[in-house]
């Protein structure tokens, strides 16, 4: 019975060690895709096409706001990439 108890204890310790997994790259990629979809919608609402830069110094304020929102969203994705998924 002692051998069984030791095996059960070892199994319990092993199970708790793997109780949370990191979905990092998958969660990060999904989050970034969502951010880009929102940026495309923001650009379209402003009357521009996402991914076509070449305005130089004459970048409209609406596009700058879309870019700021995209940057904030993508920075928040770091948390999604690093958080453990139970």
PDB file of N, CA and C in Angstrom:
ATOM      1  N   UNK A   1       0.810  -1.185   0.000  1.00  0.00           N
ATOM      2  CA  UNK A   1       0.000   0.000   0.000  1.00  0.00           C
ATOM      3  C   UNK A   1       0.863   1.263   0.000  1.00  0.00           C
ATOM      4  N   UNK A   2       2.074   1.190   0.622  1.00  0.00           N
ATOM      5  CA  UNK A   2       2.946   2.353   0.648  1.00  0.00           C
ATOM      6  C   UNK A   2       3.388   2.747  -0.755  1.00  0.00           C
ATOM      7  N   UNK A   3       3.663   1.773  -1.583  1.00  0.00           N
ATOM      8  CA  UNK A   3       4.072   2.048  -2.956  1.00  0.00           C
ATOM      9  C   UNK A   3       2.969   2.746  -3.739  1.00  0.00           C
ATOM     10  N   UNK A   4       1.730   2.312  -3.492  1.00  0.00           N
ATOM     11  CA  UNK A   4       0.584   2.923  -4.172  1.00  0.00           C
ATOM     12  C   UNK A   4       0.415   4.377  -3.729  1.00  0.00           C
ATOM     13  N   UNK A   5       0.590   4.639  -2.434  1.00  0.00           N
ATOM     14  CA  UNK A   5       0.449   5.999  -1.898  1.00  0.00           C
ATOM     15  C   UNK A   5       1.520   6.919  -2.476  1.00  0.00           C
ATOM     16  N   UNK A   6       2.758   6.397  -2.587  1.00  0.00           N
ATOM     17  CA  UNK A   6       3.831   7.197  -3.174  1.00  0.00           C
ATOM     18  C   UNK A   6       3.554   7.487  -4.642  1.00  0.00           C
ATOM     19  N   UNK A   7       3.061   6.491  -5.351  1.00  0.00           N
ATOM     20  CA  UNK A   7       2.733   6.686  -6.763  1.00  0.00           C
ATOM     21  C   UNK A   7       1.608   7.701  -6.927  1.00  0.00           C
ATOM     22  N   UNK A   8       0.606   7.612  -6.055  1.00  0.00           N
ATOM     23  CA  UNK A   8      -0.519   8.538  -6.108  1.00  0.00           C
ATOM     24  C   UNK A   8      -0.059   9.962  -5.803  1.00  0.00           C
ATOM     25  N   UNK A   9       0.830  10.109  -4.830  1.00  0.00           N
ATOM     26  CA  UNK A   9       1.368  11.422  -4.488  1.00  0.00           C
ATOM     27  C   UNK A   9       2.178  11.991  -5.654  1.00  0.00           C
ATOM     28  N   UNK A  10       3.011  11.156  -6.256  1.00  0.00           N
ATOM     29  CA  UNK A  10       3.800  11.602  -7.400  1.00  0.00           C
ATOM     30  C   UNK A  10       2.898  12.023  -8.558  1.00  0.00           C
ATOM     31  N   UNK A  11       1.838  11.269  -8.788  1.00  0.00           N
ATOM     32  CA  UNK A  11       0.890  11.606  -9.853  1.00  0.00           C
ATOM     33  C   UNK A  11       0.176  12.920  -9.560  1.00  0.00           C
ATOM     34  N   UNK A  12      -0.196  13.142  -8.297  1.00  0.00           N
ATOM     35  CA  UNK A  12      -0.868  14.388  -7.912  1.00  0.00           C
ATOM     36  C   UNK A  12       0.053  15.590  -8.106  1.00  0.00           C
ATOM     37  N   UNK A  13       1.316  15.437  -7.734  1.00  0.00           N
ATOM     38  CA  UNK A  13       2.283  16.526  -7.917  1.00  0.00           C
ATOM     39  C   UNK A  13       2.485  16.809  -9.400  1.00  0.00           C
ATOM     40  N   UNK A  14       2.597  15.767 -10.178  1.00  0.00           N
ATOM     41  CA  UNK A  14       2.771  15.927 -11.618  1.00  0.00           C
ATOM     42  C   UNK A  14       1.556  16.594 -12.254  1.00  0.00           C
ATOM     43  N   UNK A  15       0.367  16.212 -11.817  1.00  0.00           N
ATOM     44  CA  UNK A  15      -0.866  16.787 -12.370  1.00  0.00           C
ATOM     45  C   UNK A  15      -0.984  18.268 -12.047  1.00  0.00           C
ATOM     46  N   UNK A  16      -0.583  18.672 -10.849  1.00  0.00           N
ATOM     47  CA  UNK A  16      -0.671  20.093 -10.504  1.00  0.00           C
ATOM     48  C   UNK A  16       0.389  20.908 -11.228  1.00  0.00           C
ATOM     49  N   UNK A  17       1.487  20.285 -11.570  1.00  0.00           N
ATOM     50  CA  UNK A  17       2.523  20.999 -12.301  1.00  0.00           C
ATOM     51  C   UNK A  17       2.056  21.363 -13.704  1.00  0.00           C
ATOM     52  N   UNK A  18       1.167  20.573 -14.266  1.00  0.00           N
ATOM     53  CA  UNK A  18       0.688  20.822 -15.617  1.00  0.00           C
ATOM     54  C   UNK A  18      -0.767  21.279 -15.647  1.00  0.00           C
ATOM     55  N   UNK A  19      -1.253  21.851 -14.545  1.00  0.00           N
ATOM     56  CA  UNK A  19      -2.663  22.246 -14.502  1.00  0.00           C
ATOM     57  C   UNK A  19      -2.944  23.491 -15.325  1.00  0.00           C
ATOM     58  N   UNK A  20      -1.952  24.312 -15.580  1.00  0.00           N
ATOM     59  CA  UNK A  20      -2.147  25.503 -16.403  1.00  0.00           C
ATOM     60  C   UNK A  20      -1.176  25.443 -17.576  1.00  0.00           C
ATOM     61  N   UNK A  21      -1.672  25.723 -18.741  1.00  0.00           N
ATOM     62  CA  UNK A  21      -0.816  25.756 -19.920  1.00  0.00           C
ATOM     63  C   UNK A  21      -0.742  27.182 -20.424  1.00  0.00           C
ATOM     64  N   UNK A  22       0.273  27.468 -21.151  1.00  0.00           N
ATOM     65  CA  UNK A  22       0.418  28.796 -21.737  1.00  0.00           C
ATOM     66  C   UNK A  22      -0.014  28.715 -23.193  1.00  0.00           C
ATOM     67  N   UNK A  23      -1.052  29.435 -23.521  1.00  0.00           N
ATOM     68  CA  UNK A  23      -1.549  29.453 -24.892  1.00  0.00           C
ATOM     69  C   UNK A  23      -0.952  30.634 -25.639  1.00  0.00           C
ATOM     70  N   UNK A  24       0.150  31.135 -25.149  1.00  0.00           N
ATOM     71  CA  UNK A  24       0.796  32.332 -25.637  1.00  0.00           C
ATOM     72  C   UNK A  24       0.688  32.644 -27.106  1.00  0.00           C
ATOM     73  N   UNK A  25       1.363  31.919 -27.973  1.00  0.00           N
ATOM     74  CA  UNK A  25       1.359  32.289 -29.385  1.00  0.00           C
ATOM     75  C   UNK A  25      -0.033  32.277 -30.014  1.00  0.00           C
ATOM     76  N   UNK A  26      -0.864  31.342 -29.611  1.00  0.00           N
ATOM     77  CA  UNK A  26      -2.209  31.268 -30.188  1.00  0.00           C
ATOM     78  C   UNK A  26      -3.051  32.451 -29.721  1.00  0.00           C
ATOM     79  N   UNK A  27      -3.076  32.705 -28.422  1.00  0.00           N
ATOM     80  CA  UNK A  27      -3.857  33.821 -27.884  1.00  0.00           C
ATOM     81  C   UNK A  27      -3.336  35.150 -28.411  1.00  0.00           C
ATOM     82  N   UNK A  28      -2.029  35.277 -28.502  1.00  0.00           N
ATOM     83  CA  UNK A  28      -1.417  36.509 -29.000  1.00  0.00           C
ATOM     84  C   UNK A  28      -1.802  36.745 -30.459  1.00  0.00           C
ATOM     85  N   UNK A  29      -1.752  35.700 -31.264  1.00  0.00           N
ATOM     86  CA  UNK A  29      -2.115  35.824 -32.681  1.00  0.00           C
ATOM     87  C   UNK A  29      -3.579  36.171 -32.876  1.00  0.00           C
ATOM     88  N   UNK A  30      -4.455  35.552 -32.087  1.00  0.00           N
ATOM     89  CA  UNK A  30      -5.885  35.855 -32.181  1.00  0.00           C
ATOM     90  C   UNK A  30      -6.137  37.309 -31.778  1.00  0.00           C
ATOM     91  N   UNK A  31      -5.482  37.749 -30.730  1.00  0.00           N
ATOM     92  CA  UNK A  31      -5.648  39.121 -30.261  1.00  0.00           C
ATOM     93  C   UNK A  31      -5.160  40.119 -31.315  1.00  0.00           C
ATOM     94  N   UNK A  32      -4.008  39.862 -31.905  1.00  0.00           N
ATOM     95  CA  UNK A  32      -3.468  40.763 -32.925  1.00  0.00           C
ATOM     96  C   UNK A  32      -4.364  40.805 -34.157  1.00  0.00           C
ATOM     97  N   UNK A  33      -4.945  39.671 -34.519  1.00  0.00           N
ATOM     98  CA  UNK A  33      -5.872  39.637 -35.647  1.00  0.00           C
ATOM     99  C   UNK A  33      -7.091  40.504 -35.358  1.00  0.00           C
ATOM    100  N   UNK A  34      -7.599  40.421 -34.136  1.00  0.00           N
ATOM    101  CA  UNK A  34      -8.730  41.261 -33.745  1.00  0.00           C
ATOM    102  C   UNK A  34      -8.378  42.739 -33.789  1.00  0.00           C
ATOM    103  N   UNK A  35      -7.183  43.081 -33.335  1.00  0.00           N
ATOM    104  CA  UNK A  35      -6.739  44.480 -33.373  1.00  0.00           C
ATOM    105  C   UNK A  35      -6.668  44.988 -34.811  1.00  0.00           C
ATOM    106  N   UNK A  36      -6.115  44.171 -35.695  1.00  0.00           N
ATOM    107  CA  UNK A  36      -6.015  44.585 -37.095  1.00  0.00           C
ATOM    108  C   UNK A  36      -7.389  44.726 -37.739  1.00  0.00           C
ATOM    109  N   UNK A  37      -8.328  43.853 -37.385  1.00  0.00           N
ATOM    110  CA  UNK A  37      -9.688  43.962 -37.926  1.00  0.00           C
ATOM    111  C   UNK A  37     -10.333  45.270 -37.475  1.00  0.00           C
ATOM    112  N   UNK A  38     -10.110  45.645 -36.220  1.00  0.00           N
ATOM    113  CA  UNK A  38     -10.643  46.916 -35.732  1.00  0.00           C
ATOM    114  C   UNK A  38      -9.977  48.099 -36.428  1.00  0.00           C
ATOM    115  N   UNK A  39      -8.687  47.999 -36.695  1.00  0.00           N
ATOM    116  CA  UNK A  39      -7.986  49.081 -37.390  1.00  0.00           C
ATOM    117  C   UNK A  39      -8.510  49.235 -38.814  1.00  0.00           C
ATOM    118  N   UNK A  40      -8.765  48.130 -39.491  1.00  0.00           N
ATOM    119  CA  UNK A  40      -9.321  48.184 -40.849  1.00  0.00           C
ATOM    120  C   UNK A  40     -10.683  48.869 -40.819  1.00  0.00           C
ATOM    121  N   UNK A  41     -11.507  48.527 -39.832  1.00  0.00           N
ATOM    122  CA  UNK A  41     -12.829  49.154 -39.704  1.00  0.00           C
ATOM    123  C   UNK A  41     -12.695  50.645 -39.397  1.00  0.00           C
ATOM    124  N   UNK A  42     -11.738  51.003 -38.562  1.00  0.00           N
ATOM    125  CA  UNK A  42     -11.515  52.404 -38.213  1.00  0.00           C
ATOM    126  C   UNK A  42     -11.089  53.201 -39.445  1.00  0.00           C
ATOM    127  N   UNK A  43     -10.147  52.662 -40.209  1.00  0.00           N
ATOM    128  CA  UNK A  43      -9.696  53.318 -41.433  1.00  0.00           C
ATOM    129  C   UNK A  43     -10.853  53.460 -42.422  1.00  0.00           C
ATOM    130  N   UNK A  44     -11.638  52.406 -42.587  1.00  0.00           N
ATOM    131  CA  UNK A  44     -12.763  52.445 -43.526  1.00  0.00           C
ATOM    132  C   UNK A  44     -13.786  53.496 -43.099  1.00  0.00           C
ATOM    133  N   UNK A  45     -14.051  53.591 -41.801  1.00  0.00           N
ATOM    134  CA  UNK A  45     -14.994  54.598 -41.306  1.00  0.00           C
ATOM    135  C   UNK A  45     -14.472  56.011 -41.558  1.00  0.00           C
ATOM    136  N   UNK A  46     -13.149  56.155 -41.565  1.00  0.00           N
ATOM    137  CA  UNK A  46     -12.545  57.461 -41.824  1.00  0.00           C
ATOM    138  C   UNK A  46     -12.397  57.734 -43.319  1.00  0.00           C
ATOM    139  N   UNK A  47     -12.691  56.722 -44.146  1.00  0.00           N
ATOM    140  CA  UNK A  47     -12.608  56.900 -45.595  1.00  0.00           C
ATOM    141  C   UNK A  47     -11.245  56.597 -46.191  1.00  0.00           C
ATOM    142  N   UNK A  48     -10.456  55.812 -45.495  1.00  0.00           N
ATOM    143  CA  UNK A  48      -9.119  55.473 -45.976  1.00  0.00           C
ATOM    144  C   UNK A  48      -8.955  53.961 -46.050  1.00  0.00           C
ATOM    145  N   UNK A  49      -7.862  53.527 -46.678  1.00  0.00           N
ATOM    146  CA  UNK A  49      -7.558  52.105 -46.793  1.00  0.00           C
ATOM    147  C   UNK A  49      -6.406  51.771 -45.855  1.00  0.00           C
ATOM    148  N   UNK A  50      -6.611  50.765 -45.010  1.00  0.00           N
ATOM    149  CA  UNK A  50      -5.587  50.342 -44.062  1.00  0.00           C
ATOM    150  C   UNK A  50      -4.415  49.739 -44.819  1.00  0.00           C
ATOM    151  N   UNK A  51      -3.208  50.110 -44.446  1.00  0.00           N
ATOM    152  CA  UNK A  51      -2.018  49.539 -45.053  1.00  0.00           C
ATOM    153  C   UNK A  51      -1.474  50.343 -46.214  1.00  0.00           C
ATOM    154  N   UNK A  52      -2.029  51.509 -46.480  1.00  0.00           N
ATOM    155  CA  UNK A  52      -1.535  52.346 -47.575  1.00  0.00           C
ATOM    156  C   UNK A  52      -0.959  53.625 -46.965  1.00  0.00           C
ATOM    157  N   UNK A  53       0.325  53.565 -46.549  1.00  0.00           N
ATOM    158  CA  UNK A  53       0.909  54.755 -45.918  1.00  0.00           C
ATOM    159  C   UNK A  53       1.477  55.685 -46.971  1.00  0.00           C
ATOM    160  N   UNK A  54       1.844  56.632 -47.125  1.00  0.00           N
ATOM    161  CA  UNK A  54       2.460  57.530 -48.083  1.00  0.00           C
ATOM    162  C   UNK A  54       1.815  58.890 -48.019  1.00  0.00           C
ATOM    163  N   UNK A  55       1.489  59.306 -46.816  1.00  0.00           N
ATOM    164  CA  UNK A  55       0.937  60.646 -46.659  1.00  0.00           C
ATOM    165  C   UNK A  55       2.026  61.639 -46.276  1.00  0.00           C
ATOM    166  N   UNK A  56       3.149  61.190 -45.835  1.00  0.00           N
ATOM    167  CA  UNK A  56       4.191  62.096 -45.376  1.00  0.00           C
ATOM    168  C   UNK A  56       3.759  62.822 -44.115  1.00  0.00           C
ATOM    169  N   UNK A  57       3.889  64.133 -44.114  1.00  0.00           N
ATOM    170  CA  UNK A  57       3.533  64.924 -42.929  1.00  0.00           C
ATOM    171  C   UNK A  57       2.045  65.247 -42.878  1.00  0.00           C
ATOM    172  N   UNK A  58       1.319  64.977 -43.946  1.00  0.00           N
ATOM    173  CA  UNK A  58      -0.101  65.343 -44.021  1.00  0.00           C
ATOM    174  C   UNK A  58      -1.012  64.183 -43.617  1.00  0.00           C
ATOM    175  N   UNK A  59      -0.674  63.505 -42.553  1.00  0.00           N
ATOM    176  CA  UNK A  59      -1.500  62.380 -42.099  1.00  0.00           C
ATOM    177  C   UNK A  59      -2.729  62.944 -41.388  1.00  0.00           C
ATOM    178  N   UNK A  60      -3.929  62.559 -41.832  1.00  0.00           N
ATOM    179  CA  UNK A  60      -5.143  63.072 -41.188  1.00  0.00           C
ATOM    180  C   UNK A  60      -5.240  62.635 -39.720  1.00  0.00           C
ATOM    181  N   UNK A  61      -5.879  63.462 -38.910  1.00  0.00           N
ATOM    182  CA  UNK A  61      -6.016  63.183 -37.474  1.00  0.00           C
ATOM    183  C   UNK A  61      -6.784  61.889 -37.227  1.00  0.00           C
ATOM    184  N   UNK A  62      -7.746  61.570 -38.099  1.00  0.00           N
ATOM    185  CA  UNK A  62      -8.515  60.335 -37.901  1.00  0.00           C
ATOM    186  C   UNK A  62      -7.630  59.109 -38.064  1.00  0.00           C
ATOM    187  N   UNK A  63      -6.704  59.171 -39.010  1.00  0.00           N
ATOM    188  CA  UNK A  63      -5.785  58.048 -39.222  1.00  0.00           C
ATOM    189  C   UNK A  63      -4.825  57.932 -38.037  1.00  0.00           C
ATOM    190  N   UNK A  64      -4.377  59.068 -37.522  1.00  0.00           N
ATOM    191  CA  UNK A  64      -3.510  59.035 -36.338  1.00  0.00           C
ATOM    192  C   UNK A  64      -4.239  58.427 -35.144  1.00  0.00           C
ATOM    193  N   UNK A  65      -5.524  58.737 -35.014  1.00  0.00           N
ATOM    194  CA  UNK A  65      -6.316  58.158 -33.923  1.00  0.00           C
ATOM    195  C   UNK A  65      -6.469  56.652 -34.111  1.00  0.00           C
ATOM    196  N   UNK A  66      -6.682  56.219 -35.360  1.00  0.00           N
ATOM    197  CA  UNK A  66      -6.780  54.778 -35.635  1.00  0.00           C
ATOM    198  C   UNK A  66      -5.467  54.078 -35.289  1.00  0.00           C
ATOM    199  N   UNK A  67      -4.347  54.704 -35.661  1.00  0.00           N
ATOM    200  CA  UNK A  67      -3.038  54.117 -35.371  1.00  0.00           C
ATOM    201  C   UNK A  67      -2.771  54.060 -33.870  1.00  0.00           C
ATOM    202  N   UNK A  68      -3.181  55.093 -33.144  1.00  0.00           N
ATOM    203  CA  UNK A  68      -2.997  55.096 -31.691  1.00  0.00           C
ATOM    204  C   UNK A  68      -3.824  53.981 -31.050  1.00  0.00           C
ATOM    205  N   UNK A  69      -5.043  53.810 -31.533  1.00  0.00           N
ATOM    206  CA  UNK A  69      -5.894  52.729 -31.021  1.00  0.00           C
ATOM    207  C   UNK A  69      -5.312  51.363 -31.327  1.00  0.00           C
ATOM    208  N   UNK A  70      -4.754  51.221 -32.528  1.00  0.00           N
ATOM    209  CA  UNK A  70      -4.132  49.953 -32.912  1.00  0.00           C
ATOM    210  C   UNK A  70      -2.935  49.648 -32.017  1.00  0.00           C
ATOM    211  N   UNK A  71      -2.130  50.654 -31.751  1.00  0.00           N
ATOM    212  CA  UNK A  71      -0.969  50.458 -30.880  1.00  0.00           C
ATOM    213  C   UNK A  71      -1.363  50.059 -29.468  1.00  0.00           C
ATOM    214  N   UNK A  72      -2.393  50.698 -28.939  1.00  0.00           N
ATOM    215  CA  UNK A  72      -2.880  50.371 -27.599  1.00  0.00           C
ATOM    216  C   UNK A  72      -3.421  48.948 -27.552  1.00  0.00           C
ATOM    217  N   UNK A  73      -4.187  48.589 -28.579  1.00  0.00           N
ATOM    218  CA  UNK A  73      -4.768  47.246 -28.642  1.00  0.00           C
ATOM    219  C   UNK A  73      -3.668  46.183 -28.714  1.00  0.00           C
ATOM    220  N   UNK A  74      -2.674  46.414 -29.564  1.00  0.00           N
ATOM    221  CA  UNK A  74      -1.606  45.428 -29.716  1.00  0.00           C
ATOM    222  C   UNK A  74      -0.749  45.327 -28.458  1.00  0.00           C
ATOM    223  N   UNK A  75      -0.582  46.432 -27.753  1.00  0.00           N
ATOM    224  CA  UNK A  75       0.157  46.379 -26.490  1.00  0.00           C
ATOM    225  C   UNK A  75      -0.604  45.547 -25.463  1.00  0.00           C
ATOM    226  N   UNK A  76      -1.923  45.632 -25.500  1.00  0.00           N
ATOM    227  CA  UNK A  76      -2.736  44.837 -24.577  1.00  0.00           C
ATOM    228  C   UNK A  76      -2.664  43.350 -24.915  1.00  0.00           C
ATOM    229  N   UNK A  77      -2.331  43.023 -26.147  1.00  0.00           N
ATOM    230  CA  UNK A  77      -2.224  41.619 -26.556  1.00  0.00           C
ATOM    231  C   UNK A  77      -1.082  40.897 -25.843  1.00  0.00           C
ATOM    232  N   UNK A  78      -0.112  41.640 -25.369  1.00  0.00           N
ATOM    233  CA  UNK A  78       0.997  41.016 -24.646  1.00  0.00           C
ATOM    234  C   UNK A  78       0.460  40.277 -23.424  1.00  0.00           C
ATOM    235  N   UNK A  79      -0.509  40.869 -22.748  1.00  0.00           N
ATOM    236  CA  UNK A  79      -1.105  40.210 -21.577  1.00  0.00           C
ATOM    237  C   UNK A  79      -1.784  38.913 -21.981  1.00  0.00           C
ATOM    238  N   UNK A  80      -2.456  38.918 -23.131  1.00  0.00           N
ATOM    239  CA  UNK A  80      -3.115  37.694 -23.601  1.00  0.00           C
ATOM    240  C   UNK A  80      -2.085  36.621 -23.937  1.00  0.00           C
ATOM    241  N   UNK A  81      -0.961  37.037 -24.465  1.00  0.00           N
ATOM    242  CA  UNK A  81       0.067  36.080 -24.831  1.00  0.00           C
ATOM    243  C   UNK A  81       0.804  35.479 -23.657  1.00  0.00           C
ATOM    244  N   UNK A  82       0.828  36.188 -22.545  1.00  0.00           N
ATOM    245  CA  UNK A  82       1.587  35.709 -21.388  1.00  0.00           C
ATOM    246  C   UNK A  82       0.735  35.066 -20.305  1.00  0.00           C
ATOM    247  N   UNK A  83      -0.580  35.202 -20.391  1.00  0.00           N
ATOM    248  CA  UNK A  83      -1.412  34.671 -19.310  1.00  0.00           C
ATOM    249  C   UNK A  83      -1.643  33.172 -19.459  1.00  0.00           C
ATOM    250  N   UNK A  84      -1.605  32.459 -18.345  1.00  0.00           N
ATOM    251  CA  UNK A  84      -1.849  31.011 -18.390  1.00  0.00           C
ATOM    252  C   UNK A  84      -3.333  30.712 -18.598  1.00  0.00           C
ATOM    253  N   UNK A  85      -3.613  29.668 -19.315  1.00  0.00           N
ATOM    254  CA  UNK A  85      -4.982  29.232 -19.565  1.00  0.00           C
ATOM    255  C   UNK A  85      -5.207  27.951 -18.758  1.00  0.00           C
ATOM    256  N   UNK A  86      -6.119  27.972 -17.768  1.00  0.00           N
ATOM    257  CA  UNK A  86      -6.321  26.766 -16.944  1.00  0.00           C
ATOM    258  C   UNK A  86      -7.030  25.663 -17.707  1.00  0.00           C
TER     259      UNK A  86
END
